[in-house]
Amino acid sequence: MSATASATPSSPQPGGVDGQMVAGSGLLARYVNFVKLPHTVFALPFALVGVVLGSYRADVRVGTVGWVIVAFTAARFAAMGFNRIADRAYDARNPRTSMREIPAGTMSVREASLAVAMAGLTFLGAAWMINPLCFALAPLALIWVLFYSYTKRFTRWSHIVLGLGLGIAPVGGYLAVTGVWSEPWWLLVVLATAVMTWTAGFDIIYAMQDVEIDRAEGLHSVPSRMGPTRAFFISRSLHVVTIGSLAAVGGVMSGGLYYFMGLAIAGGLLVYEQYLASIGRVQKAFFTVNMALSTIFFVFVLLDRVLPYQPLVTP
């Protein structure tokens, strides 16, 4: 990879544009943009993958699926909103993020804090509605996703912390259906690892946009501390682990043709994502490709569950 290609993504977008913004100035648009609600589609399908995998062990209720969606959306709202509050001073000095709601003055810290508190309570309430195990684990999950906001101050591996925060999603989906840990015990660990490495890999790509500003602010990230070339290598290595982990999950769950078709498509999309990042198209690599990957993989996992593969030729 050329030095030019590696360095291209590190340039911030001009004019404070931060990507995937919803048009409008009303209250709803303001809150949607505050937490980039469309990004919920990144990992929500993986939470639903956990639900599907849990269905092999216990029956799925429609209400449970609904509460899983509420819990995930609320937790993500709380995590992203808290991040906006914690990073408001840094965002104000970054050209790419200076037009976010708090530094731009369109939302006060008090208003943002109330919204985060409400989202956190909604998450805990949804977990309580699901089952006792999910409710017992919910505070730990919430603490972890809020803790992420401070990790760039002291470690370059904040991407892993973020990844584990999203890696909780499929575990939560599985536990919501079953109410008990997986058998074998390491199945959920590997499933969480898959989402963790997927997220960390694309978050490293996203951080390419802020290399100079992170260095100037004394913030830590893999690209700012290790350089673009090594950052790309680490991102790609993490995505290899993603595919390997999902393959291991499929093996344990006796995944069929549809599962592994979905996995093959996911692998191809990760290759495409890395290519887009290498030529500087970070926003497309970050949003469009990852949204497609998680959604398509979920659909194929669901197909594998409801449409068992029948060979064309039977012995």
Protein backbone atom coordinates (compact mmCIF):
# COMPACT_ATOMS: atom_id res chain seq x y z
CA MET A 1 0.00 0.00 0.00
CA SER A 2 1.34 3.40 -0.92
CA ALA A 3 2.10 6.03 1.67
CA THR A 4 -0.35 8.36 -0.06
CA ALA A 5 -3.21 5.89 0.21
CA SER A 6 -2.44 5.19 3.83
CA ALA A 7 -2.39 8.83 4.77
CA THR A 8 -5.48 9.94 2.89
CA PRO A 9 -8.10 8.89 5.45
CA SER A 10 -6.48 10.88 8.25
CA SER A 11 -7.62 14.21 6.84
CA PRO A 12 -10.67 15.60 8.65
CA GLN A 13 -13.71 16.52 6.69
CA PRO A 14 -14.08 20.24 6.16
CA GLY A 15 -16.74 22.44 7.65
CA GLY A 16 -17.46 20.30 10.67
CA VAL A 17 -19.26 17.63 8.63
CA ASP A 18 -19.41 14.43 10.65
CA GLY A 19 -21.27 12.08 8.30
CA GLN A 20 -24.71 10.44 8.22
CA MET A 21 -26.65 13.47 9.47
CA VAL A 22 -30.45 13.63 9.32
CA ALA A 23 -31.81 16.77 7.69
CA GLY A 24 -33.96 19.13 9.73
CA SER A 25 -33.74 21.36 12.78
CA GLY A 26 -36.64 19.97 14.83
CA LEU A 27 -36.37 18.26 18.19
CA LEU A 28 -36.49 14.74 16.76
CA ALA A 29 -33.79 15.44 14.16
CA ARG A 30 -31.63 17.04 16.84
CA TYR A 31 -31.76 13.97 19.08
CA VAL A 32 -31.31 11.57 16.17
CA ASN A 33 -28.18 13.44 15.09
CA PHE A 34 -26.96 13.84 18.67
CA VAL A 35 -26.38 10.10 18.98
CA LYS A 36 -26.23 9.25 15.26
CA LEU A 37 -29.23 6.99 15.65
CA PRO A 38 -28.83 5.45 12.15
CA HIS A 39 -25.61 3.85 13.42
CA THR A 40 -27.79 1.65 15.65
CA VAL A 41 -28.16 -0.62 12.63
CA PHE A 42 -24.47 -1.53 12.93
CA ALA A 43 -24.73 -3.93 15.85
CA LEU A 44 -28.47 -4.36 16.39
CA PRO A 45 -28.56 -7.16 13.80
CA PHE A 46 -25.87 -8.94 15.82
CA ALA A 47 -28.05 -8.67 18.93
CA LEU A 48 -30.73 -10.38 16.84
CA VAL A 49 -28.20 -13.00 15.74
CA GLY A 50 -27.86 -13.78 19.43
CA VAL A 51 -31.64 -14.12 19.65
CA VAL A 52 -31.67 -16.55 16.71
CA LEU A 53 -28.85 -18.64 18.20
CA GLY A 54 -30.66 -18.68 21.53
CA SER A 55 -33.76 -20.02 19.76
CA TYR A 56 -31.98 -23.33 19.26
CA ARG A 57 -32.17 -23.76 23.02
CA ALA A 58 -35.43 -22.04 23.99
CA ASP A 59 -38.56 -20.68 22.39
CA VAL A 60 -38.53 -17.03 21.32
CA ARG A 61 -41.36 -14.72 22.31
CA VAL A 62 -42.23 -11.67 20.23
CA GLY A 63 -42.21 -9.54 23.37
CA THR A 64 -38.68 -10.65 24.17
CA VAL A 65 -37.46 -9.56 20.74
CA GLY A 66 -39.13 -6.20 21.24
CA TRP A 67 -37.47 -5.66 24.60
CA VAL A 68 -34.08 -6.67 23.14
CA ILE A 69 -34.45 -3.96 20.50
CA VAL A 70 -35.49 -1.39 23.13
CA ALA A 71 -32.63 -2.37 25.43
CA PHE A 72 -30.00 -2.21 22.70
CA THR A 73 -31.22 1.11 21.31
CA ALA A 74 -31.41 2.68 24.77
CA ALA A 75 -27.96 1.44 25.76
CA ARG A 76 -26.45 2.77 22.58
CA PHE A 77 -28.21 6.12 23.05
CA ALA A 78 -26.82 6.37 26.58
CA ALA A 79 -23.31 5.41 25.49
CA MET A 80 -23.17 7.77 22.51
CA GLY A 81 -24.78 10.64 24.39
CA PHE A 82 -22.39 10.23 27.30
CA ASN A 83 -19.51 10.23 24.83
CA ARG A 84 -20.72 13.53 23.38
CA ILE A 85 -20.82 15.05 26.87
CA ALA A 86 -17.41 13.72 27.90
CA ASP A 87 -15.72 14.78 24.64
CA ARG A 88 -17.44 18.14 24.13
CA ALA A 89 -14.26 20.18 24.62
CA TYR A 90 -12.28 18.00 22.21
CA ASP A 91 -15.15 18.04 19.69
CA ALA A 92 -15.21 21.84 19.74
CA ARG A 93 -11.56 21.98 18.66
CA ASN A 94 -11.86 19.32 15.95
CA PRO A 95 -13.00 20.68 12.53
CA ARG A 96 -14.75 17.38 11.77
CA THR A 97 -16.83 17.41 14.96
CA SER A 98 -17.18 21.10 15.81
CA MET A 99 -20.77 21.21 14.54
CA ARG A 100 -21.97 18.49 16.88
CA GLU A 101 -24.88 19.62 19.02
CA ILE A 102 -23.10 20.50 22.28
CA PRO A 103 -20.09 22.41 20.87
CA ALA A 104 -22.38 24.08 18.30
CA GLY A 105 -24.68 25.27 21.10
CA THR A 106 -27.85 23.62 19.81
CA MET A 107 -28.05 21.37 22.87
CA SER A 108 -27.02 22.15 26.44
CA VAL A 109 -25.01 19.79 28.63
CA ARG A 110 -27.97 19.65 31.02
CA GLU A 111 -30.36 18.61 28.25
CA ALA A 112 -27.91 16.01 27.00
CA SER A 113 -27.36 14.67 30.52
CA LEU A 114 -31.09 14.27 31.09
CA ALA A 115 -31.45 12.42 27.79
CA VAL A 116 -28.59 10.08 28.71
CA ALA A 117 -30.07 9.42 32.15
CA MET A 118 -33.46 8.60 30.62
CA ALA A 119 -31.85 6.27 28.10
CA GLY A 120 -29.91 4.50 30.85
CA LEU A 121 -33.06 4.00 32.92
CA THR A 122 -34.89 2.73 29.83
CA PHE A 123 -32.12 0.20 29.24
CA LEU A 124 -32.30 -1.05 32.83
CA GLY A 125 -36.09 -1.21 32.65
CA ALA A 126 -35.98 -3.21 29.41
CA ALA A 127 -33.46 -5.63 30.93
CA TRP A 128 -35.77 -6.07 33.95
CA MET A 129 -38.63 -6.90 31.59
CA ILE A 130 -36.55 -9.56 29.81
CA ASN A 131 -35.37 -11.83 32.63
CA PRO A 132 -33.48 -11.78 35.97
CA LEU A 133 -30.10 -12.68 34.46
CA CYS A 134 -30.22 -9.84 31.92
CA PHE A 135 -31.29 -7.41 34.65
CA ALA A 136 -28.44 -8.55 36.94
CA LEU A 137 -25.86 -8.05 34.17
CA ALA A 138 -27.34 -4.80 32.78
CA PRO A 139 -25.59 -2.40 35.21
CA LEU A 140 -22.20 -3.91 34.35
CA ALA A 141 -22.91 -3.56 30.64
CA LEU A 142 -24.00 0.06 31.10
CA ILE A 143 -20.92 0.94 33.15
CA TRP A 144 -18.69 -0.59 30.48
CA VAL A 145 -20.20 1.31 27.54
CA LEU A 146 -20.02 4.59 29.49
CA PHE A 147 -16.44 3.88 30.58
CA TYR A 148 -15.35 3.73 26.94
CA SER A 149 -15.70 7.51 26.60
CA TYR A 150 -12.62 8.09 28.77
CA THR A 151 -10.31 5.44 27.35
CA LYS A 152 -8.80 7.60 24.59
CA ARG A 153 -7.24 9.67 27.34
CA PHE A 154 -4.93 6.86 28.46
CA THR A 155 -4.82 3.93 25.98
CA ARG A 156 -4.50 3.45 22.24
CA TRP A 157 -6.66 0.34 22.57
CA SER A 158 -9.89 2.22 23.16
CA HIS A 159 -11.10 0.56 19.94
CA ILE A 160 -11.11 -2.79 21.76
CA VAL A 161 -13.07 -1.31 24.66
CA LEU A 162 -15.65 0.02 22.22
CA GLY A 163 -15.70 -3.31 20.43
CA LEU A 164 -16.42 -5.22 23.61
CA GLY A 165 -19.23 -2.77 24.36
CA LEU A 166 -20.91 -3.79 21.10
CA GLY A 167 -19.83 -7.40 21.61
CA ILE A 168 -22.20 -7.49 24.56
CA ALA A 169 -25.12 -7.16 22.11
CA PRO A 170 -25.27 -10.74 20.76
CA VAL A 171 -24.56 -12.13 24.21
CA GLY A 172 -27.49 -10.14 25.55
CA GLY A 173 -29.70 -11.36 22.72
CA TYR A 174 -28.85 -14.97 23.49
CA LEU A 175 -29.36 -14.58 27.25
CA ALA A 176 -32.66 -12.78 26.67
CA VAL A 177 -34.05 -15.91 25.01
CA THR A 178 -32.44 -18.61 27.15
CA GLY A 179 -31.98 -16.96 30.55
CA VAL A 180 -28.85 -19.08 31.03
CA TRP A 181 -25.27 -19.09 29.77
CA SER A 182 -24.35 -21.00 26.64
CA GLU A 183 -23.18 -24.59 26.30
CA PRO A 184 -20.29 -24.88 25.64
CA TRP A 185 -19.48 -21.94 27.91
CA TRP A 186 -17.04 -20.38 25.45
CA LEU A 187 -19.61 -20.07 22.64
CA LEU A 188 -20.79 -16.64 23.80
CA VAL A 189 -17.20 -15.56 24.42
CA VAL A 190 -16.30 -16.35 20.81
CA LEU A 191 -19.48 -14.66 19.56
CA ALA A 192 -18.63 -11.53 21.55
CA THR A 193 -15.06 -11.70 20.23
CA ALA A 194 -16.38 -11.71 16.66
CA VAL A 195 -18.34 -8.50 17.18
CA MET A 196 -15.57 -6.95 19.28
CA THR A 197 -12.92 -7.44 16.60
CA TRP A 198 -15.28 -6.37 13.82
CA THR A 199 -16.07 -3.15 15.67
CA ALA A 200 -12.48 -2.47 16.71
CA GLY A 201 -11.31 -3.03 13.15
CA PHE A 202 -13.68 -0.50 11.62
CA ASP A 203 -13.21 1.95 14.51
CA ILE A 204 -9.48 2.01 13.76
CA ILE A 205 -10.39 2.90 10.18
CA TYR A 206 -12.70 5.67 11.41
CA ALA A 207 -9.95 7.05 13.65
CA MET A 208 -7.78 7.60 10.56
CA GLN A 209 -9.68 10.86 10.07
CA ASP A 210 -8.39 12.34 13.32
CA VAL A 211 -4.71 11.38 13.44
CA GLU A 212 -3.37 14.94 13.54
CA ILE A 213 -5.98 16.31 15.93
CA ASP A 214 -5.59 13.33 18.29
CA ARG A 215 -1.84 13.87 18.42
CA ALA A 216 -2.29 17.58 19.04
CA GLU A 217 -4.78 16.92 21.85
CA GLY A 218 -2.74 14.14 23.44
CA LEU A 219 -5.46 11.58 22.75
CA HIS A 220 -4.66 7.95 22.07
CA SER A 221 -5.67 5.76 19.16
CA VAL A 222 -3.97 3.08 17.10
CA PRO A 223 -3.55 5.34 14.03
CA SER A 224 -2.28 8.35 16.00
CA ARG A 225 0.19 6.31 18.09
CA MET A 226 1.29 3.67 15.59
CA GLY A 227 0.82 5.34 12.20
CA PRO A 228 -1.53 4.52 9.32
CA THR A 229 0.42 1.57 7.92
CA ARG A 230 0.48 -0.38 11.17
CA ALA A 231 -3.08 0.70 11.90
CA PHE A 232 -4.30 -0.81 8.63
CA PHE A 233 -2.46 -4.04 9.41
CA ILE A 234 -4.04 -4.27 12.87
CA SER A 235 -7.50 -3.46 11.49
CA ARG A 236 -7.20 -6.18 8.86
CA SER A 237 -5.87 -8.68 11.40
CA LEU A 238 -8.83 -7.99 13.68
CA HIS A 239 -11.23 -8.60 10.80
CA VAL A 240 -9.56 -11.95 10.10
CA VAL A 241 -10.30 -12.86 13.72
CA THR A 242 -13.90 -11.76 13.15
CA ILE A 243 -14.42 -14.23 10.33
CA GLY A 244 -12.63 -17.01 12.20
CA SER A 245 -14.74 -16.44 15.30
CA LEU A 246 -18.01 -16.46 13.36
CA ALA A 247 -16.90 -19.64 11.61
CA ALA A 248 -16.24 -21.24 15.01
CA VAL A 249 -19.71 -20.21 16.20
CA GLY A 250 -21.23 -21.74 13.08
CA GLY A 251 -19.33 -24.95 13.67
CA VAL A 252 -20.54 -25.30 17.25
CA MET A 253 -24.12 -24.44 16.31
CA SER A 254 -24.01 -26.84 13.34
CA GLY A 255 -24.56 -23.93 10.98
CA GLY A 256 -25.80 -24.91 7.57
CA LEU A 257 -25.42 -23.64 4.04
CA TYR A 258 -27.16 -20.30 4.66
CA TYR A 259 -25.06 -19.50 7.73
CA PHE A 260 -21.81 -20.01 5.87
CA MET A 261 -23.10 -18.20 2.79
CA GLY A 262 -23.75 -15.21 5.04
CA LEU A 263 -20.30 -15.58 6.53
CA ALA A 264 -18.71 -15.63 3.06
CA ILE A 265 -20.57 -12.45 2.10
CA ALA A 266 -19.49 -10.83 5.38
CA GLY A 267 -15.88 -11.72 4.61
CA GLY A 268 -16.15 -10.21 1.15
CA LEU A 269 -17.64 -7.02 2.58
CA LEU A 270 -14.77 -6.72 5.06
CA VAL A 271 -12.30 -6.98 2.20
CA TYR A 272 -14.24 -4.27 0.35
CA GLU A 273 -14.32 -2.11 3.47
CA GLN A 274 -10.56 -2.33 3.82
CA TYR A 275 -10.16 -1.41 0.17
CA LEU A 276 -12.40 1.65 0.51
CA ALA A 277 -10.47 2.76 3.58
CA SER A 278 -7.16 2.39 1.76
CA ILE A 279 -8.32 4.84 -0.94
CA GLY A 280 -9.66 7.35 1.56
CA ARG A 281 -13.41 6.63 1.38
CA VAL A 282 -13.73 6.27 5.13
CA GLN A 283 -17.36 7.34 5.53
CA LYS A 284 -18.61 4.78 3.01
CA ALA A 285 -16.38 2.09 4.49
CA PHE A 286 -17.56 2.94 7.99
CA PHE A 287 -21.30 3.34 7.53
CA THR A 288 -22.61 1.74 4.34
CA VAL A 289 -20.48 -1.40 4.30
CA ASN A 290 -20.84 -2.19 7.99
CA MET A 291 -24.60 -1.65 7.90
CA ALA A 292 -24.84 -4.06 4.96
CA LEU A 293 -22.55 -6.60 6.62
CA SER A 294 -24.44 -6.91 9.91
CA THR A 295 -27.86 -6.90 8.23
CA ILE A 296 -27.00 -9.45 5.57
CA PHE A 297 -25.31 -11.77 8.05
CA PHE A 298 -28.35 -11.66 10.33
CA VAL A 299 -30.69 -12.44 7.44
CA PHE A 300 -28.65 -15.50 6.47
CA VAL A 301 -28.43 -16.71 10.08
CA LEU A 302 -32.22 -16.38 10.29
CA LEU A 303 -32.66 -18.24 7.01
CA ASP A 304 -30.44 -21.00 8.34
CA ARG A 305 -32.80 -21.30 11.31
CA VAL A 306 -36.16 -21.20 9.55
CA LEU A 307 -35.25 -22.80 6.21
CA PRO A 308 -33.04 -25.79 6.93
CA TYR A 309 -31.00 -26.64 3.86
CA GLN A 310 -32.23 -29.61 1.88
CA PRO A 311 -29.72 -31.14 -0.55
CA LEU A 312 -30.78 -31.22 -4.18
CA VAL A 313 -29.75 -34.86 -4.42
CA THR A 314 -30.64 -37.19 -1.55
CA PRO A 315 -28.75 -40.44 -1.05
